[in-house]
């Protein structure tokens, strides 16, 4: 009986020793705190990598719509809802001349950005988190949050309705326009809707 106990004790000890060695090899003999340490250089490199994904000039290609929530347009299916809203939004954009002015967004690797309309440019900064698809923008100290999704050679930047109105107003000459009121009224009719721009290089 004692021999059996001794045998099992030896087996258990060998198993634990092998497991510890494997664990040390996997972490490169690093302390657990060291394994998960992220330096400022690591963050800077990752930020640059993300910014490089967006860098360049992106031109207006049409309206973009994002739909969330369960009670959108009294239960209409999301693809149908998006199509209907996009059609109305395209008409609204046309009424304020966005189809002719074609705003351009420029994202730089250093985290700066600009939006240009008819030669006038507003410069700012941005921060993008690809895991959440959240984009934080700041122009003239005015913060704007948006959703950003890259689809091949296209970017879809969508805002909550009031944030889009703020952006269009910031772009200039529309602040006192009756078409802004019309656009606001249109967007007020929908819940859980993100609206914005489809951009293309």
C-alpha atoms as a PDB file:
ATOM      1  CA  UNK A   1       0.000   0.000   0.000  1.00  0.00           C
ATOM      2  CA  UNK A   2       2.811   2.382   0.933  1.00  0.00           C
ATOM      3  CA  UNK A   3       4.557   1.627  -2.364  1.00  0.00           C
ATOM      4  CA  UNK A   4       1.422   2.585  -4.289  1.00  0.00           C
ATOM      5  CA  UNK A   5       1.167   5.895  -2.382  1.00  0.00           C
ATOM      6  CA  UNK A   6       4.846   6.636  -3.024  1.00  0.00           C
ATOM      7  CA  UNK A   7       4.400   5.867  -6.747  1.00  0.00           C
ATOM      8  CA  UNK A   8       1.418   8.240  -7.080  1.00  0.00           C
ATOM      9  CA  UNK A   9       3.255  10.967  -5.140  1.00  0.00           C
ATOM     10  CA  UNK A  10       6.187  10.752  -7.577  1.00  0.00           C
ATOM     11  CA  UNK A  11       3.825  10.952 -10.596  1.00  0.00           C
ATOM     12  CA  UNK A  12       2.085  14.039  -9.170  1.00  0.00           C
ATOM     13  CA  UNK A  13       5.418  15.762  -8.459  1.00  0.00           C
ATOM     14  CA  UNK A  14       6.681  15.086 -11.999  1.00  0.00           C
ATOM     15  CA  UNK A  15       3.433  16.414 -13.487  1.00  0.00           C
ATOM     16  CA  UNK A  16       3.602  19.628 -11.456  1.00  0.00           C
ATOM     17  CA  UNK A  17       7.269  20.181 -12.358  1.00  0.00           C
ATOM     18  CA  UNK A  18       6.567  19.732 -16.101  1.00  0.00           C
ATOM     19  CA  UNK A  19       3.583  22.079 -15.893  1.00  0.00           C
ATOM     20  CA  UNK A  20       5.626  24.789 -14.183  1.00  0.00           C
ATOM     21  CA  UNK A  21       8.426  24.502 -16.765  1.00  0.00           C
ATOM     22  CA  UNK A  22       5.937  24.750 -19.629  1.00  0.00           C
ATOM     23  CA  UNK A  23       4.361  27.781 -18.031  1.00  0.00           C
ATOM     24  CA  UNK A  24       7.726  29.477 -17.622  1.00  0.00           C
ATOM     25  CA  UNK A  25       8.702  28.715 -21.222  1.00  0.00           C
ATOM     26  CA  UNK A  26       5.406  30.157 -22.524  1.00  0.00           C
ATOM     27  CA  UNK A  27       5.991  33.466 -20.728  1.00  0.00           C
ATOM     28  CA  UNK A  28       9.740  33.558 -21.397  1.00  0.00           C
ATOM     29  CA  UNK A  29      10.474  33.358 -17.648  1.00  0.00           C
ATOM     30  CA  UNK A  30       8.730  36.706 -17.142  1.00  0.00           C
ATOM     31  CA  UNK A  31       6.870  37.755 -14.029  1.00  0.00           C
ATOM     32  CA  UNK A  32       3.073  37.921 -14.621  1.00  0.00           C
ATOM     33  CA  UNK A  33       3.129  41.706 -14.146  1.00  0.00           C
ATOM     34  CA  UNK A  34       5.753  42.002 -16.886  1.00  0.00           C
ATOM     35  CA  UNK A  35       3.722  39.968 -19.366  1.00  0.00           C
ATOM     36  CA  UNK A  36       0.846  42.481 -19.365  1.00  0.00           C
ATOM     37  CA  UNK A  37       2.909  45.666 -19.090  1.00  0.00           C
ATOM     38  CA  UNK A  38       2.339  48.128 -21.960  1.00  0.00           C
ATOM     39  CA  UNK A  39       4.840  50.927 -22.441  1.00  0.00           C
ATOM     40  CA  UNK A  40       4.241  54.361 -23.945  1.00  0.00           C
ATOM     41  CA  UNK A  41       6.212  53.214 -26.986  1.00  0.00           C
ATOM     42  CA  UNK A  42       3.834  50.266 -27.438  1.00  0.00           C
ATOM     43  CA  UNK A  43       0.839  52.610 -27.314  1.00  0.00           C
ATOM     44  CA  UNK A  44       2.479  55.043 -29.744  1.00  0.00           C
ATOM     45  CA  UNK A  45       3.236  52.237 -32.217  1.00  0.00           C
ATOM     46  CA  UNK A  46      -0.324  50.885 -32.031  1.00  0.00           C
ATOM     47  CA  UNK A  47      -1.805  54.374 -32.462  1.00  0.00           C
ATOM     48  CA  UNK A  48       0.381  54.954 -35.529  1.00  0.00           C
ATOM     49  CA  UNK A  49      -0.670  51.585 -36.988  1.00  0.00           C
ATOM     50  CA  UNK A  50      -4.356  52.459 -36.552  1.00  0.00           C
ATOM     51  CA  UNK A  51      -3.898  55.962 -37.969  1.00  0.00           C
ATOM     52  CA  UNK A  52      -2.120  54.545 -41.010  1.00  0.00           C
ATOM     53  CA  UNK A  53      -5.274  52.525 -41.773  1.00  0.00           C
ATOM     54  CA  UNK A  54      -7.240  55.779 -42.084  1.00  0.00           C
ATOM     55  CA  UNK A  55      -4.610  58.134 -43.441  1.00  0.00           C
ATOM     56  CA  UNK A  56      -5.303  59.941 -46.682  1.00  0.00           C
ATOM     57  CA  UNK A  57      -7.973  62.042 -48.346  1.00  0.00           C
ATOM     58  CA  UNK A  58     -11.512  60.642 -48.318  1.00  0.00           C
ATOM     59  CA  UNK A  59     -14.114  62.209 -50.616  1.00  0.00           C
ATOM     60  CA  UNK A  60     -17.865  62.404 -50.190  1.00  0.00           C
ATOM     61  CA  UNK A  61     -19.593  59.585 -52.049  1.00  0.00           C
ATOM     62  CA  UNK A  62     -23.126  59.840 -50.641  1.00  0.00           C
ATOM     63  CA  UNK A  63     -25.084  59.562 -47.390  1.00  0.00           C
ATOM     64  CA  UNK A  64     -24.515  56.740 -44.919  1.00  0.00           C
ATOM     65  CA  UNK A  65     -26.986  55.348 -42.391  1.00  0.00           C
ATOM     66  CA  UNK A  66     -26.521  53.124 -39.366  1.00  0.00           C
ATOM     67  CA  UNK A  67     -29.551  51.633 -37.604  1.00  0.00           C
ATOM     68  CA  UNK A  68     -29.559  50.198 -34.105  1.00  0.00           C
ATOM     69  CA  UNK A  69     -32.157  49.302 -31.515  1.00  0.00           C
ATOM     70  CA  UNK A  70     -35.230  47.083 -31.655  1.00  0.00           C
ATOM     71  CA  UNK A  71     -38.013  49.591 -32.255  1.00  0.00           C
ATOM     72  CA  UNK A  72     -36.773  51.269 -35.409  1.00  0.00           C
ATOM     73  CA  UNK A  73     -39.552  52.700 -37.587  1.00  0.00           C
ATOM     74  CA  UNK A  74     -42.309  50.768 -35.816  1.00  0.00           C
ATOM     75  CA  UNK A  75     -40.651  47.402 -36.346  1.00  0.00           C
ATOM     76  CA  UNK A  76     -39.622  47.677 -40.021  1.00  0.00           C
ATOM     77  CA  UNK A  77     -36.685  45.398 -40.766  1.00  0.00           C
ATOM     78  CA  UNK A  78     -33.312  47.125 -40.490  1.00  0.00           C
ATOM     79  CA  UNK A  79     -32.215  46.806 -44.136  1.00  0.00           C
ATOM     80  CA  UNK A  80     -35.538  48.262 -45.315  1.00  0.00           C
ATOM     81  CA  UNK A  81     -35.361  51.005 -42.698  1.00  0.00           C
ATOM     82  CA  UNK A  82     -31.809  51.926 -43.707  1.00  0.00           C
ATOM     83  CA  UNK A  83     -32.777  52.036 -47.375  1.00  0.00           C
ATOM     84  CA  UNK A  84     -35.761  54.306 -46.738  1.00  0.00           C
ATOM     85  CA  UNK A  85     -33.799  56.681 -44.517  1.00  0.00           C
ATOM     86  CA  UNK A  86     -30.844  56.764 -46.906  1.00  0.00           C
ATOM     87  CA  UNK A  87     -33.145  57.716 -49.781  1.00  0.00           C
ATOM     88  CA  UNK A  88     -34.652  60.599 -47.782  1.00  0.00           C
ATOM     89  CA  UNK A  89     -31.247  61.629 -46.503  1.00  0.00           C
ATOM     90  CA  UNK A  90     -29.869  61.751 -50.040  1.00  0.00           C
ATOM     91  CA  UNK A  91     -32.676  64.114 -50.991  1.00  0.00           C
ATOM     92  CA  UNK A  92     -32.036  66.251 -47.904  1.00  0.00           C
ATOM     93  CA  UNK A  93     -28.291  66.412 -48.614  1.00  0.00           C
ATOM     94  CA  UNK A  94     -29.060  67.461 -52.161  1.00  0.00           C
ATOM     95  CA  UNK A  95     -31.323  70.251 -50.921  1.00  0.00           C
ATOM     96  CA  UNK A  96     -28.459  71.777 -48.918  1.00  0.00           C
ATOM     97  CA  UNK A  97     -25.988  71.267 -51.755  1.00  0.00           C
ATOM     98  CA  UNK A  98     -23.766  68.592 -50.235  1.00  0.00           C
ATOM     99  CA  UNK A  99     -23.865  66.585 -53.451  1.00  0.00           C
ATOM    100  CA  UNK A 100     -22.221  69.505 -55.285  1.00  0.00           C
ATOM    101  CA  UNK A 101     -19.842  70.640 -52.545  1.00  0.00           C
ATOM    102  CA  UNK A 102     -18.655  67.109 -51.788  1.00  0.00           C
ATOM    103  CA  UNK A 103     -16.928  67.530 -48.424  1.00  0.00           C
ATOM    104  CA  UNK A 104     -13.521  65.872 -48.112  1.00  0.00           C
ATOM    105  CA  UNK A 105     -12.099  64.398 -44.923  1.00  0.00           C
ATOM    106  CA  UNK A 106      -8.329  64.143 -44.513  1.00  0.00           C
ATOM    107  CA  UNK A 107      -6.859  61.924 -41.789  1.00  0.00           C
ATOM    108  CA  UNK A 108      -3.143  62.224 -41.045  1.00  0.00           C
ATOM    109  CA  UNK A 109      -0.914  59.676 -39.322  1.00  0.00           C
ATOM    110  CA  UNK A 110      -0.076  62.145 -36.539  1.00  0.00           C
ATOM    111  CA  UNK A 111      -3.723  62.241 -35.343  1.00  0.00           C
ATOM    112  CA  UNK A 112      -4.645  65.527 -37.022  1.00  0.00           C
ATOM    113  CA  UNK A 113      -7.486  65.798 -39.518  1.00  0.00           C
ATOM    114  CA  UNK A 114      -9.424  68.311 -41.570  1.00  0.00           C
ATOM    115  CA  UNK A 115     -12.690  68.642 -43.423  1.00  0.00           C
ATOM    116  CA  UNK A 116     -12.811  70.733 -46.577  1.00  0.00           C
ATOM    117  CA  UNK A 117     -15.835  72.177 -48.358  1.00  0.00           C
ATOM    118  CA  UNK A 118     -15.490  74.314 -51.483  1.00  0.00           C
ATOM    119  CA  UNK A 119     -11.913  75.288 -50.648  1.00  0.00           C
ATOM    120  CA  UNK A 120     -12.625  76.174 -46.998  1.00  0.00           C
ATOM    121  CA  UNK A 121     -10.929  73.858 -44.528  1.00  0.00           C
ATOM    122  CA  UNK A 122     -11.547  73.226 -40.821  1.00  0.00           C
ATOM    123  CA  UNK A 123      -8.648  71.541 -39.021  1.00  0.00           C
ATOM    124  CA  UNK A 124      -8.819  69.379 -35.923  1.00  0.00           C
ATOM    125  CA  UNK A 125      -7.729  66.097 -34.358  1.00  0.00           C
ATOM    126  CA  UNK A 126      -9.070  62.578 -34.110  1.00  0.00           C
ATOM    127  CA  UNK A 127      -8.771  59.355 -32.153  1.00  0.00           C
ATOM    128  CA  UNK A 128     -10.083  56.038 -33.473  1.00  0.00           C
ATOM    129  CA  UNK A 129     -10.708  52.777 -31.633  1.00  0.00           C
ATOM    130  CA  UNK A 130     -11.139  49.970 -34.212  1.00  0.00           C
ATOM    131  CA  UNK A 131     -12.373  47.441 -31.644  1.00  0.00           C
ATOM    132  CA  UNK A 132     -15.422  49.606 -30.828  1.00  0.00           C
ATOM    133  CA  UNK A 133     -15.504  51.443 -34.201  1.00  0.00           C
ATOM    134  CA  UNK A 134     -15.735  54.719 -32.251  1.00  0.00           C
ATOM    135  CA  UNK A 135     -14.222  57.900 -33.658  1.00  0.00           C
ATOM    136  CA  UNK A 136     -13.597  60.945 -31.458  1.00  0.00           C
ATOM    137  CA  UNK A 137     -13.180  64.200 -33.398  1.00  0.00           C
ATOM    138  CA  UNK A 138     -12.354  67.691 -32.211  1.00  0.00           C
ATOM    139  CA  UNK A 139     -12.601  70.855 -34.321  1.00  0.00           C
ATOM    140  CA  UNK A 140     -11.896  74.289 -32.802  1.00  0.00           C
ATOM    141  CA  UNK A 141     -12.242  72.712 -29.376  1.00  0.00           C
ATOM    142  CA  UNK A 142     -15.663  71.274 -30.252  1.00  0.00           C
ATOM    143  CA  UNK A 143     -15.772  67.500 -29.562  1.00  0.00           C
ATOM    144  CA  UNK A 144     -17.812  65.253 -31.845  1.00  0.00           C
ATOM    145  CA  UNK A 145     -18.263  61.520 -31.447  1.00  0.00           C
ATOM    146  CA  UNK A 146     -19.045  59.246 -34.371  1.00  0.00           C
ATOM    147  CA  UNK A 147     -19.047  55.660 -35.547  1.00  0.00           C
ATOM    148  CA  UNK A 148     -16.530  54.759 -38.233  1.00  0.00           C
ATOM    149  CA  UNK A 149     -16.546  51.578 -40.272  1.00  0.00           C
ATOM    150  CA  UNK A 150     -14.171  50.779 -43.096  1.00  0.00           C
ATOM    151  CA  UNK A 151     -15.650  48.757 -45.934  1.00  0.00           C
ATOM    152  CA  UNK A 152     -12.921  48.013 -48.466  1.00  0.00           C
ATOM    153  CA  UNK A 153     -12.067  51.319 -50.140  1.00  0.00           C
ATOM    154  CA  UNK A 154     -14.905  53.145 -48.394  1.00  0.00           C
ATOM    155  CA  UNK A 155     -15.339  54.745 -44.997  1.00  0.00           C
ATOM    156  CA  UNK A 156     -18.724  55.124 -43.334  1.00  0.00           C
ATOM    157  CA  UNK A 157     -18.774  57.914 -40.739  1.00  0.00           C
ATOM    158  CA  UNK A 158     -22.112  58.198 -38.959  1.00  0.00           C
ATOM    159  CA  UNK A 159     -23.233  60.524 -36.169  1.00  0.00           C
ATOM    160  CA  UNK A 160     -26.171  60.902 -33.860  1.00  0.00           C
ATOM    161  CA  UNK A 161     -28.572  63.345 -35.527  1.00  0.00           C
ATOM    162  CA  UNK A 162     -27.708  66.358 -33.332  1.00  0.00           C
ATOM    163  CA  UNK A 163     -23.958  65.736 -33.807  1.00  0.00           C
ATOM    164  CA  UNK A 164     -24.388  65.709 -37.598  1.00  0.00           C
ATOM    165  CA  UNK A 165     -26.284  68.997 -37.433  1.00  0.00           C
ATOM    166  CA  UNK A 166     -23.412  70.431 -35.351  1.00  0.00           C
ATOM    167  CA  UNK A 167     -20.885  69.274 -37.947  1.00  0.00           C
ATOM    168  CA  UNK A 168     -22.811  70.676 -40.902  1.00  0.00           C
ATOM    169  CA  UNK A 169     -23.237  73.974 -39.060  1.00  0.00           C
ATOM    170  CA  UNK A 170     -19.505  74.013 -38.298  1.00  0.00           C
ATOM    171  CA  UNK A 171     -18.791  73.592 -41.985  1.00  0.00           C
ATOM    172  CA  UNK A 172     -20.041  77.109 -42.600  1.00  0.00           C
ATOM    173  CA  UNK A 173     -22.779  78.886 -44.479  1.00  0.00           C
ATOM    174  CA  UNK A 174     -25.664  76.587 -43.449  1.00  0.00           C
ATOM    175  CA  UNK A 175     -26.126  77.774 -39.856  1.00  0.00           C
ATOM    176  CA  UNK A 176     -29.124  80.015 -40.619  1.00  0.00           C
ATOM    177  CA  UNK A 177     -30.476  77.966 -43.486  1.00  0.00           C
ATOM    178  CA  UNK A 178     -34.059  76.744 -43.500  1.00  0.00           C
ATOM    179  CA  UNK A 179     -32.749  73.504 -44.984  1.00  0.00           C
ATOM    180  CA  UNK A 180     -30.936  72.787 -41.711  1.00  0.00           C
ATOM    181  CA  UNK A 181     -34.317  72.978 -39.975  1.00  0.00           C
ATOM    182  CA  UNK A 182     -35.770  70.645 -42.584  1.00  0.00           C
ATOM    183  CA  UNK A 183     -32.912  68.196 -42.072  1.00  0.00           C
ATOM    184  CA  UNK A 184     -33.358  68.411 -38.300  1.00  0.00           C
ATOM    185  CA  UNK A 185     -37.082  67.691 -38.609  1.00  0.00           C
ATOM    186  CA  UNK A 186     -36.360  64.727 -40.857  1.00  0.00           C
ATOM    187  CA  UNK A 187     -33.881  63.218 -38.414  1.00  0.00           C
ATOM    188  CA  UNK A 188     -36.166  63.865 -35.436  1.00  0.00           C
ATOM    189  CA  UNK A 189     -38.621  61.360 -36.899  1.00  0.00           C
ATOM    190  CA  UNK A 190     -36.272  58.427 -36.354  1.00  0.00           C
ATOM    191  CA  UNK A 191     -34.974  56.755 -33.215  1.00  0.00           C
ATOM    192  CA  UNK A 192     -31.774  54.769 -32.873  1.00  0.00           C
ATOM    193  CA  UNK A 193     -30.465  56.063 -36.186  1.00  0.00           C
ATOM    194  CA  UNK A 194     -26.918  57.166 -36.971  1.00  0.00           C
ATOM    195  CA  UNK A 195     -26.526  59.324 -40.096  1.00  0.00           C
ATOM    196  CA  UNK A 196     -23.504  60.678 -41.910  1.00  0.00           C
ATOM    197  CA  UNK A 197     -21.297  60.216 -44.927  1.00  0.00           C
ATOM    198  CA  UNK A 198     -19.993  57.478 -47.142  1.00  0.00           C
ATOM    199  CA  UNK A 199     -16.455  58.450 -48.169  1.00  0.00           C
ATOM    200  CA  UNK A 200     -14.180  57.071 -50.836  1.00  0.00           C
ATOM    201  CA  UNK A 201     -10.487  57.625 -51.672  1.00  0.00           C
END
